[in-house]
Amino acid sequence: MNELIAVVEDDEDIRALVAASLKRERYRVLEFEGGQGLMTALREQRPSLVVLDVMLPDANGFTLCRSIRSDQELASMPVIMLTARAEEADRIMGLELGADDYVVKPFSPKELAARVRAVLRRSSGDAGHGRTDVGAGLVIDADAFEASVDGRVLDLTQTEFQILQLLASRVGWVFSRERILQHLWGEEKNVTDRSVDVHVKHLRDKLGRSAARIVNVRGVGYKLGSASAASAAGDP
């Protein structure tokens, strides 16, 4: 079945361009000119991904992204922010709120379609299968695409889960930021090392007592330390 993509954009021409581009890639598309229509529709039909404009007539895209991430039923749904704001602070804000990617206008329709493919690929859970007990209460279930600490399921975004799964694939191995970017976006990425840092910070905030397992190796990247060494990993 072709994935359903929700496009939220108040500019009719841009919305039509995005929708046409995605339909050419054989996606099904729902179009909204405002955030209120999106949030109402999400209660009835959940898309595989949301392309969300920041500046909307009835809402702020950042606020909508926060609302999606705070809703237990919608929290894992991928979100790509679409905006004319090119400043790094705005990109970081979108990532801080849980967006999976950030596309700046003007953009190439092919680039946006590539970003959509990359995010959906990450969210498909193809990276691995089965349930892995990483130790110290941390468990990763690739089939369910979720992680838990002491039996408590974590409210992770698709990107956060993929980072955790990558680090857990080789405990103690240092993954460079470039390697993490490659794992997440492949050759279709147009993001910076700072994006990795933001996602890792969010991940650690959600890991509770297991947060110290993720160790920042200065100047290199990140690794998942052993359970016994977690208390020694104090680098934020």
Protein backbone atom coordinates (compact mmCIF):
# COMPACT_ATOMS: atom_id res chain seq x y z
CA MET A 1 0.00 0.00 0.00
CA ASN A 2 1.30 3.45 -0.88
CA GLU A 3 1.95 5.59 2.18
CA LEU A 4 -0.41 8.44 3.02
CA ILE A 5 1.28 11.85 3.40
CA ALA A 6 -0.40 14.90 4.96
CA VAL A 7 0.74 18.24 3.51
CA VAL A 8 -0.04 21.33 5.61
CA GLU A 9 0.73 24.53 3.68
CA ASP A 10 -1.35 27.71 3.41
CA ASP A 11 0.13 28.80 0.07
CA GLU A 12 -2.08 27.09 -2.50
CA ASP A 13 0.59 27.03 -5.23
CA ILE A 14 3.25 25.51 -2.97
CA ARG A 15 0.77 23.02 -1.55
CA ALA A 16 -0.23 21.94 -5.06
CA LEU A 17 3.45 21.65 -6.06
CA VAL A 18 4.29 19.48 -3.05
CA ALA A 19 1.20 17.31 -3.52
CA ALA A 20 1.89 16.79 -7.22
CA SER A 21 5.52 15.89 -6.53
CA LEU A 22 4.55 13.30 -3.91
CA LYS A 23 1.80 11.84 -6.08
CA ARG A 24 4.34 11.32 -8.86
CA GLU A 25 6.25 9.19 -6.36
CA ARG A 26 3.03 7.18 -5.89
CA TYR A 27 2.22 8.50 -2.43
CA ARG A 28 -1.35 9.25 -1.45
CA VAL A 29 -1.75 12.83 -0.27
CA LEU A 30 -4.04 14.71 2.12
CA GLU A 31 -3.90 18.49 1.72
CA PHE A 32 -4.58 21.08 4.45
CA GLU A 33 -4.21 24.85 4.37
CA GLY A 34 -4.21 25.16 8.16
CA GLY A 35 -3.31 23.33 11.32
CA GLN A 36 -6.84 23.03 12.67
CA GLY A 37 -7.92 20.88 9.73
CA LEU A 38 -4.87 18.65 10.23
CA MET A 39 -5.43 18.03 13.93
CA THR A 40 -9.09 17.21 13.31
CA ALA A 41 -8.24 14.80 10.50
CA LEU A 42 -5.57 13.04 12.55
CA ARG A 43 -8.30 11.73 14.85
CA GLU A 44 -9.92 9.93 11.94
CA GLN A 45 -7.10 8.97 9.59
CA ARG A 46 -3.46 8.76 10.54
CA PRO A 47 -0.96 9.51 7.75
CA SER A 48 2.46 7.88 7.53
CA LEU A 49 4.14 11.29 7.62
CA VAL A 50 3.29 14.98 7.90
CA VAL A 51 4.92 17.74 5.83
CA LEU A 52 4.24 20.75 8.04
CA ASP A 53 4.70 24.42 7.16
CA VAL A 54 5.87 26.63 10.03
CA MET A 55 3.86 29.77 9.19
CA LEU A 56 0.15 28.98 8.98
CA PRO A 57 -2.86 31.33 9.15
CA ASP A 58 -4.45 29.61 12.15
CA ALA A 59 -1.49 28.07 13.96
CA ASN A 60 2.26 27.95 14.39
CA GLY A 61 3.94 24.90 12.90
CA PHE A 62 6.28 24.62 15.87
CA THR A 63 3.27 24.52 18.20
CA LEU A 64 1.58 21.87 16.06
CA CYS A 65 4.73 19.75 16.08
CA ARG A 66 4.85 20.01 19.86
CA SER A 67 1.18 18.96 20.07
CA ILE A 68 1.81 15.92 17.88
CA ARG A 69 4.82 14.84 19.94
CA SER A 70 2.92 15.25 23.22
CA ASP A 71 0.02 13.07 22.04
CA GLN A 72 0.64 9.43 22.93
CA GLU A 73 -1.24 8.15 19.88
CA LEU A 74 0.55 10.46 17.43
CA ALA A 75 3.99 10.87 19.01
CA SER A 76 5.80 8.42 16.73
CA MET A 77 4.42 9.88 13.50
CA PRO A 78 7.26 11.39 11.41
CA VAL A 79 7.17 15.16 10.80
CA ILE A 80 9.11 17.19 8.21
CA MET A 81 9.06 20.94 8.80
CA LEU A 82 8.69 23.11 5.69
CA THR A 83 9.59 26.78 6.09
CA ALA A 84 11.06 29.92 4.59
CA ARG A 85 13.15 30.41 7.72
CA ALA A 86 16.75 29.49 6.99
CA GLU A 87 18.33 30.56 10.28
CA GLU A 88 20.05 27.80 12.25
CA ALA A 89 18.11 28.76 15.40
CA ASP A 90 14.83 27.98 13.64
CA ARG A 91 16.10 24.66 12.31
CA ILE A 92 17.31 23.70 15.77
CA MET A 93 13.97 24.72 17.29
CA GLY A 94 12.15 22.39 14.91
CA LEU A 95 14.47 19.54 15.82
CA GLU A 96 14.19 20.35 19.52
CA LEU A 97 10.42 19.97 19.22
CA GLY A 98 10.84 16.55 17.65
CA ALA A 99 10.76 17.18 13.89
CA ASP A 100 12.49 14.43 11.92
CA ASP A 101 13.75 16.74 9.19
CA TYR A 102 13.65 20.38 8.10
CA VAL A 103 13.34 21.67 4.51
CA VAL A 104 13.91 25.34 3.71
CA LYS A 105 12.05 27.24 0.96
CA PRO A 106 12.72 27.60 -1.90
CA PHE A 107 13.22 23.88 -2.32
CA SER A 108 13.39 21.33 -5.09
CA PRO A 109 10.34 19.05 -5.24
CA LYS A 110 12.73 16.17 -5.92
CA GLU A 111 14.68 17.05 -2.77
CA LEU A 112 11.52 17.07 -0.67
CA ALA A 113 10.43 13.72 -2.13
CA ALA A 114 13.88 12.33 -1.31
CA ARG A 115 13.58 13.59 2.28
CA VAL A 116 10.16 11.96 2.58
CA ARG A 117 11.57 8.65 1.30
CA ALA A 118 14.47 8.82 3.74
CA VAL A 119 12.28 9.54 6.77
CA LEU A 120 9.78 6.83 5.84
CA ARG A 121 12.61 4.37 5.34
CA ARG A 122 13.88 5.13 8.83
CA SER A 123 10.41 4.76 10.29
CA SER A 124 9.77 1.42 8.59
CA GLY A 125 11.91 -0.45 11.10
CA ASP A 126 13.93 -2.25 8.42
CA ALA A 127 17.20 -1.80 10.31
CA GLY A 128 16.73 -4.89 12.44
CA HIS A 129 14.39 -7.43 13.98
CA GLY A 130 13.69 -8.88 17.38
CA ARG A 131 14.01 -7.84 20.97
CA THR A 132 17.41 -6.89 22.42
CA ASP A 133 18.15 -6.55 26.14
CA VAL A 134 20.93 -3.97 26.18
CA GLY A 135 21.34 -4.19 29.96
CA ALA A 136 20.60 -1.99 32.99
CA GLY A 137 16.89 -2.12 32.20
CA LEU A 138 17.21 -0.87 28.61
CA VAL A 139 15.40 -3.02 26.03
CA ILE A 140 15.05 -2.36 22.29
CA ASP A 141 12.24 -4.03 20.36
CA ALA A 142 12.92 -3.57 16.64
CA ASP A 143 9.72 -5.33 15.57
CA ALA A 144 7.55 -3.00 17.65
CA PHE A 145 9.89 -0.09 16.84
CA GLU A 146 10.07 0.91 20.50
CA ALA A 147 12.46 0.98 23.43
CA SER A 148 11.81 0.71 27.15
CA VAL A 149 13.64 1.31 30.42
CA ASP A 150 12.63 -0.84 33.39
CA GLY A 151 9.50 -1.86 31.50
CA ARG A 152 8.47 1.74 30.75
CA VAL A 153 8.02 2.32 27.03
CA LEU A 154 9.85 5.46 25.93
CA ASP A 155 8.13 8.14 23.87
CA LEU A 156 10.79 8.29 21.13
CA THR A 157 10.60 9.84 17.69
CA GLN A 158 11.57 7.69 14.73
CA THR A 159 14.93 9.46 14.49
CA GLU A 160 15.69 9.02 18.19
CA PHE A 161 14.88 5.32 18.00
CA GLN A 162 17.10 4.86 14.96
CA ILE A 163 20.03 6.53 16.72
CA LEU A 164 19.56 4.37 19.82
CA GLN A 165 19.29 1.23 17.70
CA LEU A 166 22.47 2.13 15.80
CA LEU A 167 24.46 2.76 19.00
CA ALA A 168 23.15 -0.47 20.55
CA SER A 169 24.15 -2.48 17.49
CA ARG A 170 27.78 -2.32 18.70
CA VAL A 171 27.99 -1.46 22.41
CA GLY A 172 31.22 0.37 23.17
CA TRP A 173 31.87 1.24 19.52
CA VAL A 174 32.21 4.98 18.79
CA PHE A 175 29.99 6.15 15.93
CA SER A 176 31.09 9.44 14.38
CA ARG A 177 28.50 12.13 13.76
CA GLU A 178 29.08 11.63 10.03
CA ARG A 179 28.35 7.91 10.41
CA ILE A 180 25.15 8.67 12.29
CA LEU A 181 24.10 11.17 9.62
CA GLN A 182 24.82 8.58 6.94
CA HIS A 183 22.73 6.01 8.81
CA LEU A 184 19.80 8.40 9.14
CA TRP A 185 19.77 10.24 5.84
CA GLY A 186 22.14 8.38 3.52
CA GLU A 187 23.24 10.46 0.55
CA GLU A 188 19.99 12.44 0.69
CA LYS A 189 20.96 14.43 3.76
CA ASN A 190 21.32 18.19 3.91
CA VAL A 191 21.82 18.55 7.64
CA THR A 192 24.66 19.39 10.01
CA ASP A 193 26.45 17.64 12.84
CA ARG A 194 24.49 19.90 15.18
CA SER A 195 21.32 18.05 14.16
CA VAL A 196 22.78 14.83 15.55
CA ASP A 197 23.63 16.55 18.83
CA VAL A 198 20.06 17.84 19.19
CA HIS A 199 18.51 14.42 18.57
CA VAL A 200 20.93 12.74 20.99
CA LYS A 201 20.15 15.34 23.67
CA HIS A 202 16.43 14.59 23.27
CA LEU A 203 17.12 10.86 23.41
CA ARG A 204 19.13 11.15 26.61
CA ASP A 205 16.43 13.32 28.19
CA LYS A 206 13.97 10.47 27.64
CA LEU A 207 16.20 7.59 28.73
CA GLY A 208 15.94 8.35 32.44
CA ARG A 209 18.46 6.38 34.48
CA SER A 210 19.88 4.90 31.26
CA ALA A 211 20.79 8.33 29.86
CA ALA A 212 24.39 7.97 31.02
CA ARG A 213 24.75 4.94 28.74
CA ILE A 214 25.10 7.34 25.79
CA VAL A 215 28.61 8.76 25.99
CA ASN A 216 29.85 11.77 24.04
CA VAL A 217 33.38 11.11 22.78
CA ARG A 218 34.63 14.66 22.29
CA GLY A 219 35.54 15.56 18.77
CA VAL A 220 34.41 12.20 17.42
CA GLY A 221 30.82 11.20 18.12
CA TYR A 222 28.80 8.95 20.42
CA LYS A 223 28.82 5.44 21.79
CA LEU A 224 26.60 3.29 23.99
CA GLY A 225 28.69 2.47 27.04
CA SER A 226 28.40 -0.75 28.98
CA ALA A 227 25.79 -0.98 31.71
CA SER A 228 28.43 -1.30 34.41
CA ALA A 229 30.21 1.83 33.20
CA ALA A 230 27.11 3.98 32.90
CA SER A 231 27.70 5.81 36.16
CA ALA A 232 31.07 6.99 34.86
CA ALA A 233 29.65 8.56 31.70
CA GLY A 234 28.98 12.07 32.89
CA ASP A 235 29.49 13.98 29.64
CA PRO A 236 26.23 15.61 28.55
